[in-house]
Amino acid sequence: MSEDKSFIKLTYWGTGIIAHEDRLYTLMFGCGGPYKVYVHDLTGQQLHSWNHGDRGNYTARALAIINNELVIADRTNKRFTIYTLTGGRVRDVPCKLISNHHLTICHAADNSILVANFDAKPELYRVNLTTGNIEWRSDRVSRPIGVLMQSEKVALVTSCNNTTQVKMWALNAESGKRT
């Protein structure tokens, strides 16, 4: 009987995943160990991996790829850590708005990302990863839980209220205003 290669076997819990060109990048956490980034090809073959931080000093959650660099949201240290696609650490970008709750990120444009921060004070904002500046904060979406780019200028944001009703919003990614 042939081995099923339609899935990737890992001994860690997944906390983030993103596809880029012909690679799949997964951010994983193992009990008591460091967060790790695994890189697989489209057949499921592991190409390489690297540690993100050390034993439990990071609470990494979300991934984005910008200009052929991997961005990881580090909730514990309130920063974005940027790596080459092969694991070389490039830089850290501080961001005091990152909370210790659920968040998602996506590449907005140029060298910036959109962050949907779902916590006690939920918000959506755009961060420039060159300067570390917050380009805008949106009050247009209450309780954002997810964000992705629909086109070069339009971001789709999902939100959820306490009754589990999910809404989707289309926002101008440059301004944070509804389209």
N, C-alpha and C. Protein backbone atom coordinates (compact mmCIF):
# COMPACT_ATOMS: atom_id res chain seq x y z
N MET A 1 0.84 -1.18 0.00
CA MET A 1 0.00 0.00 0.00
C MET A 1 0.89 1.24 0.00
N SER A 2 0.58 2.21 -0.82
CA SER A 2 1.40 3.42 -0.92
C SER A 2 1.08 4.38 0.23
N GLU A 3 2.09 5.16 0.60
CA GLU A 3 1.93 6.14 1.66
C GLU A 3 1.17 7.35 1.15
N ASP A 4 0.22 7.84 1.95
CA ASP A 4 -0.55 9.03 1.59
C ASP A 4 0.31 10.27 1.80
N LYS A 5 0.63 10.98 0.72
CA LYS A 5 1.47 12.18 0.82
C LYS A 5 0.65 13.44 0.58
N SER A 6 -0.66 13.37 0.81
CA SER A 6 -1.52 14.53 0.56
C SER A 6 -1.57 15.49 1.73
N PHE A 7 -0.81 15.20 2.78
CA PHE A 7 -0.76 16.11 3.92
C PHE A 7 0.65 16.12 4.49
N ILE A 8 0.93 17.10 5.30
CA ILE A 8 2.24 17.26 5.91
C ILE A 8 2.17 16.80 7.36
N LYS A 9 3.06 15.91 7.76
CA LYS A 9 3.07 15.41 9.13
C LYS A 9 4.05 16.25 9.96
N LEU A 10 3.55 16.88 11.00
CA LEU A 10 4.37 17.69 11.89
C LEU A 10 4.01 17.35 13.33
N THR A 11 4.94 17.48 14.24
CA THR A 11 4.69 17.15 15.63
C THR A 11 4.43 18.41 16.47
N TYR A 12 4.17 19.50 15.83
CA TYR A 12 3.92 20.77 16.51
C TYR A 12 2.50 21.21 16.20
N TRP A 13 1.99 22.19 17.00
CA TRP A 13 0.69 22.79 16.72
C TRP A 13 0.87 23.96 15.77
N GLY A 14 0.02 24.06 14.78
CA GLY A 14 0.10 25.15 13.83
C GLY A 14 -0.48 26.43 14.38
N THR A 15 0.24 27.54 14.21
CA THR A 15 -0.28 28.84 14.63
C THR A 15 -0.34 29.82 13.47
N GLY A 16 0.21 29.47 12.33
CA GLY A 16 0.16 30.34 11.16
C GLY A 16 0.58 29.57 9.93
N ILE A 17 0.03 29.95 8.79
CA ILE A 17 0.37 29.28 7.53
C ILE A 17 0.20 30.27 6.39
N ILE A 18 1.11 30.19 5.41
CA ILE A 18 0.99 31.04 4.23
C ILE A 18 1.68 30.34 3.06
N ALA A 19 1.11 30.50 1.88
CA ALA A 19 1.71 29.97 0.66
C ALA A 19 2.35 31.13 -0.10
N HIS A 20 3.51 30.86 -0.69
CA HIS A 20 4.20 31.86 -1.49
C HIS A 20 4.93 31.15 -2.62
N GLU A 21 4.60 31.55 -3.84
CA GLU A 21 5.13 30.90 -5.03
C GLU A 21 4.94 29.40 -4.90
N ASP A 22 5.99 28.61 -4.90
CA ASP A 22 5.83 27.16 -4.82
C ASP A 22 6.22 26.61 -3.45
N ARG A 23 6.05 27.42 -2.41
CA ARG A 23 6.42 27.02 -1.05
C ARG A 23 5.26 27.24 -0.09
N LEU A 24 5.24 26.42 0.95
CA LEU A 24 4.28 26.56 2.04
C LEU A 24 5.07 26.81 3.31
N TYR A 25 4.78 27.91 3.99
CA TYR A 25 5.46 28.29 5.23
C TYR A 25 4.48 28.09 6.37
N THR A 26 4.87 27.30 7.38
CA THR A 26 4.02 27.07 8.53
C THR A 26 4.77 27.47 9.79
N LEU A 27 4.06 28.13 10.68
CA LEU A 27 4.60 28.52 11.98
C LEU A 27 4.01 27.55 12.99
N MET A 28 4.88 26.85 13.71
CA MET A 28 4.43 25.77 14.58
C MET A 28 4.99 25.97 15.99
N PHE A 29 4.24 25.42 16.97
CA PHE A 29 4.69 25.47 18.35
C PHE A 29 4.60 24.08 18.94
N GLY A 30 5.69 23.62 19.56
CA GLY A 30 5.71 22.33 20.23
C GLY A 30 5.72 22.52 21.73
N CYS A 31 5.13 21.59 22.43
CA CYS A 31 5.03 21.69 23.88
C CYS A 31 6.42 21.83 24.50
N GLY A 32 6.68 22.98 25.12
CA GLY A 32 7.94 23.21 25.80
C GLY A 32 9.08 23.62 24.90
N GLY A 33 8.88 23.63 23.61
CA GLY A 33 9.96 23.96 22.69
C GLY A 33 9.74 25.31 22.05
N PRO A 34 10.65 25.71 21.20
CA PRO A 34 10.51 27.01 20.54
C PRO A 34 9.51 26.94 19.39
N TYR A 35 9.05 28.11 18.98
CA TYR A 35 8.29 28.18 17.74
C TYR A 35 9.25 27.86 16.60
N LYS A 36 8.74 27.20 15.57
CA LYS A 36 9.57 26.85 14.41
C LYS A 36 8.81 27.23 13.15
N VAL A 37 9.58 27.63 12.15
CA VAL A 37 9.03 27.85 10.82
C VAL A 37 9.49 26.67 9.97
N TYR A 38 8.52 26.01 9.32
CA TYR A 38 8.81 24.91 8.41
C TYR A 38 8.51 25.38 7.00
N VAL A 39 9.36 25.00 6.07
CA VAL A 39 9.15 25.32 4.66
C VAL A 39 9.03 24.00 3.90
N HIS A 40 7.93 23.86 3.17
CA HIS A 40 7.67 22.67 2.37
C HIS A 40 7.45 23.06 0.92
N ASP A 41 7.74 22.13 0.02
CA ASP A 41 7.36 22.35 -1.37
C ASP A 41 5.92 21.87 -1.54
N LEU A 42 5.41 21.97 -2.75
CA LEU A 42 4.01 21.65 -2.98
C LEU A 42 3.70 20.16 -2.93
N THR A 43 4.72 19.32 -2.90
CA THR A 43 4.50 17.88 -2.76
C THR A 43 4.48 17.47 -1.29
N GLY A 44 4.78 18.40 -0.38
CA GLY A 44 4.82 18.09 1.03
C GLY A 44 6.21 17.79 1.56
N GLN A 45 7.20 17.85 0.69
CA GLN A 45 8.58 17.59 1.10
C GLN A 45 9.12 18.78 1.91
N GLN A 46 9.60 18.50 3.13
CA GLN A 46 10.18 19.57 3.94
C GLN A 46 11.52 19.98 3.34
N LEU A 47 11.68 21.28 3.10
CA LEU A 47 12.90 21.81 2.51
C LEU A 47 13.87 22.29 3.58
N HIS A 48 13.36 22.99 4.57
CA HIS A 48 14.17 23.42 5.70
C HIS A 48 13.26 23.99 6.79
N SER A 49 13.88 24.31 7.93
CA SER A 49 13.14 24.90 9.04
C SER A 49 14.11 25.73 9.87
N TRP A 50 13.55 26.60 10.72
CA TRP A 50 14.37 27.37 11.64
C TRP A 50 13.54 27.73 12.87
N ASN A 51 14.24 27.98 13.97
CA ASN A 51 13.58 28.38 15.21
C ASN A 51 13.26 29.86 15.17
N HIS A 52 12.08 30.19 15.66
CA HIS A 52 11.71 31.59 15.88
C HIS A 52 11.70 31.79 17.38
N GLY A 53 12.77 32.34 17.92
CA GLY A 53 12.87 32.54 19.36
C GLY A 53 13.36 31.29 20.05
N ASP A 54 13.24 31.31 21.35
CA ASP A 54 13.67 30.17 22.14
C ASP A 54 12.49 29.66 22.95
N ARG A 55 12.72 28.91 23.96
CA ARG A 55 11.67 28.22 24.72
C ARG A 55 10.62 29.16 25.30
N GLY A 56 9.53 29.34 24.60
CA GLY A 56 8.39 30.05 25.15
C GLY A 56 8.53 31.55 25.32
N ASN A 57 9.62 32.16 24.86
CA ASN A 57 9.77 33.60 25.02
C ASN A 57 9.01 34.38 23.96
N TYR A 58 8.40 33.70 23.06
CA TYR A 58 7.66 34.36 21.98
C TYR A 58 6.27 33.75 21.92
N THR A 59 5.30 34.57 21.63
CA THR A 59 3.98 34.07 21.30
C THR A 59 3.73 34.53 19.87
N ALA A 60 4.15 33.72 18.94
CA ALA A 60 4.03 34.05 17.53
C ALA A 60 2.68 33.57 17.03
N ARG A 61 2.09 34.30 16.13
CA ARG A 61 0.77 33.92 15.70
C ARG A 61 0.55 34.02 14.20
N ALA A 62 0.81 35.12 13.59
CA ALA A 62 0.39 35.35 12.21
C ALA A 62 1.60 35.52 11.30
N LEU A 63 1.41 35.18 10.02
CA LEU A 63 2.47 35.28 9.02
C LEU A 63 2.01 36.12 7.83
N ALA A 64 2.97 36.79 7.21
CA ALA A 64 2.74 37.48 5.94
C ALA A 64 4.05 37.45 5.18
N ILE A 65 3.98 37.54 3.87
CA ILE A 65 5.19 37.65 3.06
C ILE A 65 5.13 38.97 2.32
N ILE A 66 6.21 39.75 2.49
CA ILE A 66 6.31 41.07 1.87
C ILE A 66 7.69 41.18 1.22
N ASN A 67 7.70 41.51 -0.05
CA ASN A 67 8.97 41.72 -0.77
C ASN A 67 9.94 40.56 -0.53
N ASN A 68 9.45 39.34 -0.65
CA ASN A 68 10.25 38.12 -0.46
C ASN A 68 10.89 38.03 0.92
N GLU A 69 10.18 38.54 1.93
CA GLU A 69 10.59 38.37 3.32
C GLU A 69 9.38 37.88 4.11
N LEU A 70 9.63 37.02 5.11
CA LEU A 70 8.58 36.47 5.95
C LEU A 70 8.44 37.33 7.20
N VAL A 71 7.21 37.78 7.48
CA VAL A 71 6.92 38.61 8.64
C VAL A 71 6.13 37.76 9.64
N ILE A 72 6.60 37.74 10.89
CA ILE A 72 5.91 37.01 11.95
C ILE A 72 5.50 38.01 13.03
N ALA A 73 4.25 37.98 13.44
CA ALA A 73 3.77 38.82 14.53
C ALA A 73 4.13 38.15 15.85
N ASP A 74 4.95 38.83 16.65
CA ASP A 74 5.42 38.34 17.95
C ASP A 74 4.61 39.07 19.02
N ARG A 75 3.59 38.40 19.55
CA ARG A 75 2.67 39.05 20.49
C ARG A 75 3.31 39.32 21.84
N THR A 76 4.16 38.44 22.31
CA THR A 76 4.76 38.62 23.63
C THR A 76 5.65 39.86 23.66
N ASN A 77 6.48 40.02 22.65
CA ASN A 77 7.44 41.12 22.61
C ASN A 77 6.94 42.33 21.84
N LYS A 78 5.69 42.30 21.40
CA LYS A 78 5.04 43.41 20.70
C LYS A 78 5.91 43.94 19.56
N ARG A 79 6.16 43.03 18.61
CA ARG A 79 6.96 43.41 17.46
C ARG A 79 6.67 42.46 16.30
N PHE A 80 7.10 42.89 15.13
CA PHE A 80 7.08 42.04 13.95
C PHE A 80 8.53 41.64 13.70
N THR A 81 8.77 40.35 13.56
CA THR A 81 10.11 39.86 13.25
C THR A 81 10.12 39.50 11.77
N ILE A 82 11.15 39.97 11.07
CA ILE A 82 11.23 39.78 9.63
C ILE A 82 12.43 38.90 9.32
N TYR A 83 12.17 37.86 8.49
CA TYR A 83 13.19 36.90 8.08
C TYR A 83 13.31 36.87 6.57
N THR A 84 14.47 36.40 6.09
CA THR A 84 14.56 36.02 4.69
C THR A 84 13.71 34.76 4.53
N LEU A 85 13.44 34.35 3.31
CA LEU A 85 12.63 33.16 3.09
C LEU A 85 13.37 31.87 3.42
N THR A 86 14.65 31.98 3.75
CA THR A 86 15.43 30.81 4.16
C THR A 86 15.78 30.85 5.65
N GLY A 87 15.26 31.83 6.40
CA GLY A 87 15.41 31.83 7.83
C GLY A 87 16.40 32.81 8.41
N GLY A 88 17.05 33.61 7.59
CA GLY A 88 17.96 34.62 8.13
C GLY A 88 17.17 35.77 8.74
N ARG A 89 17.47 36.09 9.99
CA ARG A 89 16.75 37.19 10.66
C ARG A 89 17.21 38.51 10.08
N VAL A 90 16.27 39.33 9.62
CA VAL A 90 16.57 40.61 8.99
C VAL A 90 16.49 41.74 10.01
N ARG A 91 15.33 41.84 10.70
CA ARG A 91 15.16 42.91 11.68
C ARG A 91 13.88 42.67 12.48
N ASP A 92 13.75 43.44 13.56
CA ASP A 92 12.53 43.48 14.35
C ASP A 92 11.94 44.87 14.22
N VAL A 93 10.61 44.94 14.14
CA VAL A 93 9.90 46.22 14.06
C VAL A 93 8.95 46.29 15.26
N PRO A 94 9.23 47.15 16.25
CA PRO A 94 8.35 47.26 17.41
C PRO A 94 6.96 47.76 17.02
N CYS A 95 5.95 47.28 17.73
CA CYS A 95 4.57 47.73 17.52
C CYS A 95 3.81 47.56 18.82
N LYS A 96 3.60 48.66 19.54
CA LYS A 96 2.94 48.62 20.85
C LYS A 96 1.47 48.23 20.76
N LEU A 97 0.88 48.30 19.56
CA LEU A 97 -0.53 47.98 19.42
C LEU A 97 -0.81 46.47 19.40
N ILE A 98 0.21 45.65 19.21
CA ILE A 98 0.00 44.21 19.18
C ILE A 98 -0.44 43.75 20.57
N SER A 99 -1.52 42.99 20.61
CA SER A 99 -2.01 42.49 21.89
C SER A 99 -1.67 41.01 22.03
N ASN A 100 -1.97 40.44 23.15
CA ASN A 100 -1.72 39.02 23.38
C ASN A 100 -2.90 38.15 22.99
N HIS A 101 -3.80 38.68 22.21
CA HIS A 101 -4.95 37.91 21.78
C HIS A 101 -4.83 37.59 20.29
N HIS A 102 -5.89 37.07 19.75
CA HIS A 102 -5.92 36.66 18.35
C HIS A 102 -5.65 37.84 17.42
N LEU A 103 -4.80 37.62 16.42
CA LEU A 103 -4.62 38.63 15.38
C LEU A 103 -4.29 37.97 14.06
N THR A 104 -4.59 38.67 12.99
CA THR A 104 -4.22 38.24 11.65
C THR A 104 -3.53 39.40 10.95
N ILE A 105 -2.64 39.08 10.01
CA ILE A 105 -1.94 40.11 9.26
C ILE A 105 -1.96 39.74 7.78
N CYS A 106 -1.83 40.76 6.95
CA CYS A 106 -1.66 40.52 5.51
C CYS A 106 -0.87 41.68 4.91
N HIS A 107 -0.23 41.40 3.80
CA HIS A 107 0.54 42.41 3.08
C HIS A 107 -0.43 43.41 2.47
N ALA A 108 -0.25 44.69 2.75
CA ALA A 108 -1.13 45.72 2.20
C ALA A 108 -0.57 46.25 0.88
N ALA A 109 0.57 46.88 0.93
CA ALA A 109 1.23 47.43 -0.25
C ALA A 109 2.60 47.90 0.18
N ASP A 110 3.47 48.09 -0.80
CA ASP A 110 4.82 48.55 -0.51
C ASP A 110 5.40 47.72 0.63
N ASN A 111 5.77 48.37 1.71
CA ASN A 111 6.36 47.67 2.84
C ASN A 111 5.47 47.83 4.07
N SER A 112 4.18 47.58 3.90
CA SER A 112 3.25 47.72 5.02
C SER A 112 2.33 46.52 5.11
N ILE A 113 1.78 46.34 6.31
CA ILE A 113 0.85 45.26 6.56
C ILE A 113 -0.40 45.80 7.23
N LEU A 114 -1.50 45.06 7.05
CA LEU A 114 -2.73 45.33 7.77
C LEU A 114 -2.81 44.33 8.91
N VAL A 115 -3.27 44.81 10.07
CA VAL A 115 -3.37 43.96 11.26
C VAL A 115 -4.80 44.03 11.78
N ALA A 116 -5.44 42.88 11.90
CA ALA A 116 -6.74 42.77 12.56
C ALA A 116 -6.46 42.21 13.94
N ASN A 117 -6.69 43.02 14.95
CA ASN A 117 -6.36 42.70 16.34
C ASN A 117 -7.66 42.47 17.10
N PHE A 118 -7.95 41.23 17.44
CA PHE A 118 -9.22 40.87 18.07
C PHE A 118 -8.98 40.61 19.55
N ASP A 119 -9.19 41.60 20.38
CA ASP A 119 -9.00 41.43 21.82
C ASP A 119 -10.01 42.30 22.57
N ALA A 120 -9.71 42.64 23.82
CA ALA A 120 -10.62 43.46 24.62
C ALA A 120 -10.88 44.82 23.99
N LYS A 121 -9.89 45.35 23.27
CA LYS A 121 -10.05 46.60 22.54
C LYS A 121 -9.70 46.31 21.07
N PRO A 122 -10.60 45.66 20.35
CA PRO A 122 -10.27 45.24 18.99
C PRO A 122 -10.11 46.43 18.05
N GLU A 123 -9.20 46.27 17.11
CA GLU A 123 -9.02 47.32 16.11
C GLU A 123 -8.31 46.79 14.88
N LEU A 124 -8.35 47.59 13.86
CA LEU A 124 -7.70 47.31 12.59
C LEU A 124 -6.75 48.46 12.32
N TYR A 125 -5.51 48.14 11.92
CA TYR A 125 -4.55 49.21 11.63
C TYR A 125 -3.56 48.76 10.57
N ARG A 126 -2.87 49.76 10.02
CA ARG A 126 -1.86 49.53 8.99
C ARG A 126 -0.51 49.98 9.55
N VAL A 127 0.51 49.11 9.43
CA VAL A 127 1.84 49.37 9.95
C VAL A 127 2.84 49.42 8.80
N ASN A 128 3.66 50.46 8.78
CA ASN A 128 4.77 50.55 7.84
C ASN A 128 5.95 49.80 8.45
N LEU A 129 6.43 48.75 7.79
CA LEU A 129 7.50 47.93 8.36
C LEU A 129 8.89 48.52 8.13
N THR A 130 9.00 49.60 7.37
CA THR A 130 10.27 50.29 7.23
C THR A 130 10.48 51.23 8.41
N THR A 131 9.45 52.00 8.74
CA THR A 131 9.57 53.00 9.80
C THR A 131 9.02 52.53 11.14
N GLY A 132 8.13 51.53 11.13
CA GLY A 132 7.45 51.11 12.35
C GLY A 132 6.25 51.97 12.69
N ASN A 133 5.96 52.97 11.85
CA ASN A 133 4.84 53.88 12.11
C ASN A 133 3.49 53.24 11.80
N ILE A 134 2.50 53.62 12.59
CA ILE A 134 1.12 53.24 12.30
C ILE A 134 0.61 54.25 11.27
N GLU A 135 0.25 53.77 10.08
CA GLU A 135 -0.18 54.67 9.00
C GLU A 135 -1.63 55.11 9.19
N TRP A 136 -2.47 54.22 9.69
CA TRP A 136 -3.83 54.57 10.06
C TRP A 136 -4.40 53.52 11.00
N ARG A 137 -5.40 53.94 11.76
CA ARG A 137 -6.19 53.07 12.61
C ARG A 137 -7.64 53.27 12.21
N SER A 138 -8.37 52.19 12.04
CA SER A 138 -9.74 52.29 11.56
C SER A 138 -10.74 52.07 12.69
N ASP A 139 -11.73 52.92 12.72
CA ASP A 139 -12.86 52.70 13.63
C ASP A 139 -14.08 52.27 12.82
N ARG A 140 -13.85 51.90 11.58
CA ARG A 140 -14.94 51.53 10.67
C ARG A 140 -15.45 50.11 10.90
N VAL A 141 -14.64 49.25 11.49
CA VAL A 141 -15.01 47.85 11.68
C VAL A 141 -14.89 47.53 13.17
N SER A 142 -15.99 47.09 13.75
CA SER A 142 -15.93 46.69 15.16
C SER A 142 -15.58 45.20 15.23
N ARG A 143 -14.72 44.82 16.16
CA ARG A 143 -14.31 43.45 16.42
C ARG A 143 -13.78 42.71 15.19
N PRO A 144 -12.73 43.24 14.53
CA PRO A 144 -12.17 42.56 13.35
C PRO A 144 -11.50 41.25 13.76
N ILE A 145 -11.74 40.19 12.97
CA ILE A 145 -11.13 38.90 13.27
C ILE A 145 -10.23 38.40 12.14
N GLY A 146 -10.35 38.96 10.96
CA GLY A 146 -9.52 38.52 9.85
C GLY A 146 -9.39 39.60 8.81
N VAL A 147 -8.27 39.58 8.08
CA VAL A 147 -8.04 40.57 7.04
C VAL A 147 -7.25 39.93 5.90
N LEU A 148 -7.61 40.28 4.67
CA LEU A 148 -6.86 39.87 3.50
C LEU A 148 -7.08 40.88 2.40
N MET A 149 -6.16 40.94 1.47
CA MET A 149 -6.28 41.88 0.36
C MET A 149 -7.09 41.23 -0.76
N GLN A 150 -8.13 41.92 -1.22
CA GLN A 150 -8.95 41.44 -2.33
C GLN A 150 -8.36 41.91 -3.65
N SER A 151 -7.76 43.08 -3.65
CA SER A 151 -7.08 43.64 -4.82
C SER A 151 -5.96 44.53 -4.29
N GLU A 152 -5.31 45.27 -5.16
CA GLU A 152 -4.22 46.13 -4.72
C GLU A 152 -4.66 47.22 -3.76
N LYS A 153 -5.94 47.63 -3.85
CA LYS A 153 -6.40 48.76 -3.03
C LYS A 153 -7.53 48.41 -2.07
N VAL A 154 -8.07 47.21 -2.16
CA VAL A 154 -9.23 46.86 -1.34
C VAL A 154 -8.90 45.70 -0.40
N ALA A 155 -9.14 45.95 0.89
CA ALA A 155 -8.95 44.91 1.92
C ALA A 155 -10.32 44.39 2.33
N LEU A 156 -10.41 43.08 2.51
CA LEU A 156 -11.63 42.47 3.04
C LEU A 156 -11.37 42.14 4.50
N VAL A 157 -12.27 42.59 5.35
CA VAL A 157 -12.12 42.41 6.79
C VAL A 157 -13.37 41.72 7.31
N THR A 158 -13.19 40.66 8.08
CA THR A 158 -14.31 40.00 8.73
C THR A 158 -14.38 40.49 10.17
N SER A 159 -15.60 40.56 10.67
CA SER A 159 -15.81 40.95 12.06
C SER A 159 -16.86 40.04 12.67
N CYS A 160 -16.83 39.95 13.98
CA CYS A 160 -17.76 39.07 14.67
C CYS A 160 -18.24 39.75 15.94
N ASN A 161 -19.54 39.73 16.17
CA ASN A 161 -20.04 40.29 17.43
C ASN A 161 -20.23 39.15 18.43
N ASN A 162 -20.74 39.44 19.58
CA ASN A 162 -20.87 38.43 20.64
C ASN A 162 -21.88 37.34 20.33
N THR A 163 -22.72 37.52 19.33
CA THR A 163 -23.72 36.51 18.98
C THR A 163 -23.25 35.63 17.84
N THR A 164 -21.97 35.67 17.52
CA THR A 164 -21.34 34.90 16.44
C THR A 164 -21.81 35.28 15.05
N GLN A 165 -22.43 36.44 14.92
CA GLN A 165 -22.79 36.93 13.60
C GLN A 165 -21.53 37.49 12.95
N VAL A 166 -21.18 36.97 11.79
CA VAL A 166 -19.97 37.39 11.09
C VAL A 166 -20.36 38.32 9.95
N LYS A 167 -19.64 39.43 9.83
CA LYS A 167 -19.85 40.37 8.74
C LYS A 167 -18.54 40.51 7.97
N MET A 168 -18.66 40.93 6.72
CA MET A 168 -17.47 41.21 5.92
C MET A 168 -17.55 42.64 5.41
N TRP A 169 -16.42 43.33 5.52
CA TRP A 169 -16.33 44.73 5.12
C TRP A 169 -15.29 44.87 4.03
N ALA A 170 -15.53 45.77 3.09
CA ALA A 170 -14.53 46.13 2.09
C ALA A 170 -14.02 47.52 2.46
N LEU A 171 -12.70 47.62 2.66
CA LEU A 171 -12.09 48.88 3.05
C LEU A 171 -11.02 49.29 2.06
N ASN A 172 -10.83 50.58 1.92
CA ASN A 172 -9.72 51.11 1.15
C ASN A 172 -8.45 50.84 1.97
N ALA A 173 -7.51 50.07 1.42
CA ALA A 173 -6.32 49.68 2.16
C ALA A 173 -5.37 50.85 2.42
N GLU A 174 -5.50 51.91 1.62
CA GLU A 174 -4.62 53.08 1.83
C GLU A 174 -5.11 53.99 2.94
N SER A 175 -6.44 54.02 3.17
CA SER A 175 -7.00 54.96 4.14
C SER A 175 -7.72 54.31 5.31
N GLY A 176 -8.15 53.06 5.16
CA GLY A 176 -8.92 52.39 6.20
C GLY A 176 -10.40 52.72 6.15
N LYS A 177 -10.84 53.49 5.16
CA LYS A 177 -12.25 53.89 5.06
C LYS A 177 -13.00 52.84 4.25
N ARG A 178 -14.30 52.74 4.50
CA ARG A 178 -15.14 51.81 3.73
C ARG A 178 -15.20 52.24 2.28
N THR A 179 -15.21 51.25 1.39
CA THR A 179 -15.31 51.55 -0.04
C THR A 179 -16.73 51.65 -0.48
